[in-house]
Protein backbone atom coordinates (compact mmCIF):
# COMPACT_ATOMS: atom_id res chain seq x y z
CA UNK A 1 109.31 84.70 92.14
CA UNK A 2 108.42 85.67 95.73
CA UNK A 3 108.63 83.03 98.46
CA UNK A 4 108.42 85.18 101.60
CA UNK A 5 106.28 88.31 101.72
CA UNK A 6 106.12 90.61 104.73
CA UNK A 7 103.43 93.22 105.20
CA UNK A 8 103.42 95.96 107.85
CA UNK A 9 100.04 96.89 109.31
CA UNK A 10 98.87 99.59 111.68
CA UNK A 11 95.09 99.20 111.50
CA UNK A 12 94.63 102.01 108.98
CA UNK A 13 92.64 101.76 105.76
CA UNK A 14 95.83 102.05 103.72
CA UNK A 15 97.48 99.27 105.72
CA UNK A 16 94.42 97.10 105.11
CA UNK A 17 94.82 97.74 101.37
CA UNK A 18 98.49 96.77 101.66
CA UNK A 19 97.46 93.57 103.45
CA UNK A 20 95.03 92.74 100.67
CA UNK A 21 97.75 93.26 98.04
CA UNK A 22 100.21 91.14 100.02
CA UNK A 23 97.63 88.36 100.30
CA UNK A 24 96.97 88.44 96.55
CA UNK A 25 100.67 88.23 95.77
CA UNK A 26 101.26 85.48 98.35
CA UNK A 27 98.43 83.41 96.92
CA UNK A 28 99.65 83.98 93.34
CA UNK A 29 103.15 82.72 94.17
CA UNK A 30 102.22 80.21 96.91
CA UNK A 31 104.41 82.31 99.17
CA UNK A 32 104.56 82.54 102.96
CA UNK A 33 103.10 85.71 104.47
CA UNK A 34 104.35 87.42 107.61
CA UNK A 35 102.21 90.22 109.04
CA UNK A 36 104.06 92.65 111.32
CA UNK A 37 102.98 95.50 113.54
CA UNK A 38 105.40 97.77 115.36
CA UNK A 39 104.43 99.82 118.39
CA UNK A 40 106.47 102.41 120.27
CA UNK A 41 107.02 102.41 123.98
CA UNK A 42 106.53 99.92 126.74
CA UNK A 43 102.92 100.63 127.71
CA UNK A 44 100.78 97.53 128.04
CA UNK A 45 97.90 99.31 126.27
CA UNK A 46 100.05 99.87 123.15
CA UNK A 47 101.14 96.24 123.21
CA UNK A 48 97.54 95.04 123.63
CA UNK A 49 96.40 97.28 120.76
CA UNK A 50 99.19 95.88 118.59
CA UNK A 51 98.15 92.31 119.36
CA UNK A 52 94.57 93.22 118.43
CA UNK A 53 95.67 94.76 115.12
CA UNK A 54 97.64 91.61 114.27
CA UNK A 55 94.78 89.28 115.24
CA UNK A 56 92.31 91.23 113.11
CA UNK A 57 94.73 91.27 110.18
CA UNK A 58 95.41 87.54 110.46
CA UNK A 59 91.68 86.74 110.54
CA UNK A 60 91.08 88.78 107.38
CA UNK A 61 93.69 86.92 105.35
CA UNK A 62 93.22 83.71 103.42
CA UNK A 63 96.74 82.63 102.53
CA UNK A 64 98.52 79.28 102.66
CA UNK A 65 101.15 80.08 105.27
CA UNK A 66 100.73 82.99 107.69
CA UNK A 67 102.65 84.15 110.72
CA UNK A 68 102.50 87.34 112.74
CA UNK A 69 105.12 89.32 114.62
CA UNK A 70 104.65 92.08 117.15
CA UNK A 71 107.64 94.42 117.12
CA UNK A 72 108.50 97.00 119.76
CA UNK A 73 110.56 100.10 119.13
CA UNK A 74 111.94 102.64 121.54
CA UNK A 75 109.57 105.60 121.67
CA UNK A 76 112.54 108.00 121.78
CA UNK A 77 113.45 107.05 118.19
CA UNK A 78 110.01 107.84 116.75
CA UNK A 79 109.43 106.76 113.15
CA UNK A 80 113.12 105.93 112.76
CA UNK A 81 112.79 103.30 115.47
CA UNK A 82 109.74 101.78 113.80
CA UNK A 83 111.51 101.67 110.43
CA UNK A 84 114.59 100.08 112.00
CA UNK A 85 112.52 97.39 113.75
CA UNK A 86 110.62 96.51 110.59
CA UNK A 87 113.86 96.50 108.59
CA UNK A 88 115.40 94.13 111.13
CA UNK A 89 112.39 91.82 110.88
CA UNK A 90 112.62 91.81 107.08
CA UNK A 91 116.27 90.77 107.24
CA UNK A 92 115.78 88.22 110.02
CA UNK A 93 112.82 86.52 108.32
CA UNK A 94 114.44 86.73 104.87
CA UNK A 95 111.54 88.45 103.12
CA UNK A 96 111.77 88.71 99.32
CA UNK A 97 109.13 91.45 99.26
CA UNK A 98 107.78 93.90 101.80
CA UNK A 99 104.38 95.52 101.26
CA UNK A 100 103.69 98.79 103.07
CA UNK A 101 100.92 101.35 102.96
CA UNK A 102 101.99 104.96 102.58
CA UNK A 103 100.14 107.99 103.91
CA UNK A 104 100.95 109.97 100.77
CA UNK A 105 101.91 113.11 102.71
CA UNK A 106 103.25 116.06 100.77
CA UNK A 107 105.05 119.31 101.41
CA UNK A 108 105.98 120.47 104.89
CA UNK A 109 103.95 117.77 106.65
CA UNK A 110 106.01 115.09 104.89
CA UNK A 111 109.22 116.88 105.82
CA UNK A 112 108.27 117.18 109.49
CA UNK A 113 106.49 113.86 110.02
CA UNK A 114 108.55 111.67 107.69
CA UNK A 115 107.41 108.30 106.46
CA UNK A 116 108.12 104.77 107.64
CA UNK A 117 107.61 103.56 104.07
CA UNK A 118 110.09 106.09 102.71
CA UNK A 119 112.67 105.15 105.33
CA UNK A 120 112.25 101.45 104.56
CA UNK A 121 113.19 102.09 100.94
CA UNK A 122 116.67 103.08 102.08
CA UNK A 123 116.98 100.43 104.82
CA UNK A 124 115.98 97.13 103.21
CA UNK A 125 117.49 95.29 100.30
CA UNK A 126 114.28 93.41 99.47
CA UNK A 127 111.80 94.60 96.89
CA UNK A 128 109.18 96.98 98.28
CA UNK A 129 105.61 97.54 97.14
CA UNK A 130 104.16 100.84 98.35
CA UNK A 131 100.38 100.95 98.46
CA UNK A 132 98.81 104.40 98.30
CA UNK A 133 95.49 105.39 99.87
CA UNK A 134 92.36 105.82 97.82
């Protein structure tokens, strides 16, 4: 059913759970797995941290076909920029499924902070699996 699965990681526990789910699905369907991380801004430290997150994620996965992508968004666009970059990567790579951890925010904090996962639901045409913490 799924041939190309993309998972977004940020180094959090929830993202690690999403990576585990993506790996299980990829192995079940003999699908390719693309691990992405998006950072904001042009600071070398943010880029280096992103590369480290991707390297750690790649080492933790045992799937048939794995690739990683480091995405950069304009810091001025905040979460919207991150969502747009990930959405663009999904379309460019042709992912059938995207797996994303969600922070499970509620109330005013959700309204103010927003959610990359929630924005992706409206931006991508691929199926999306949201992995909750806990």
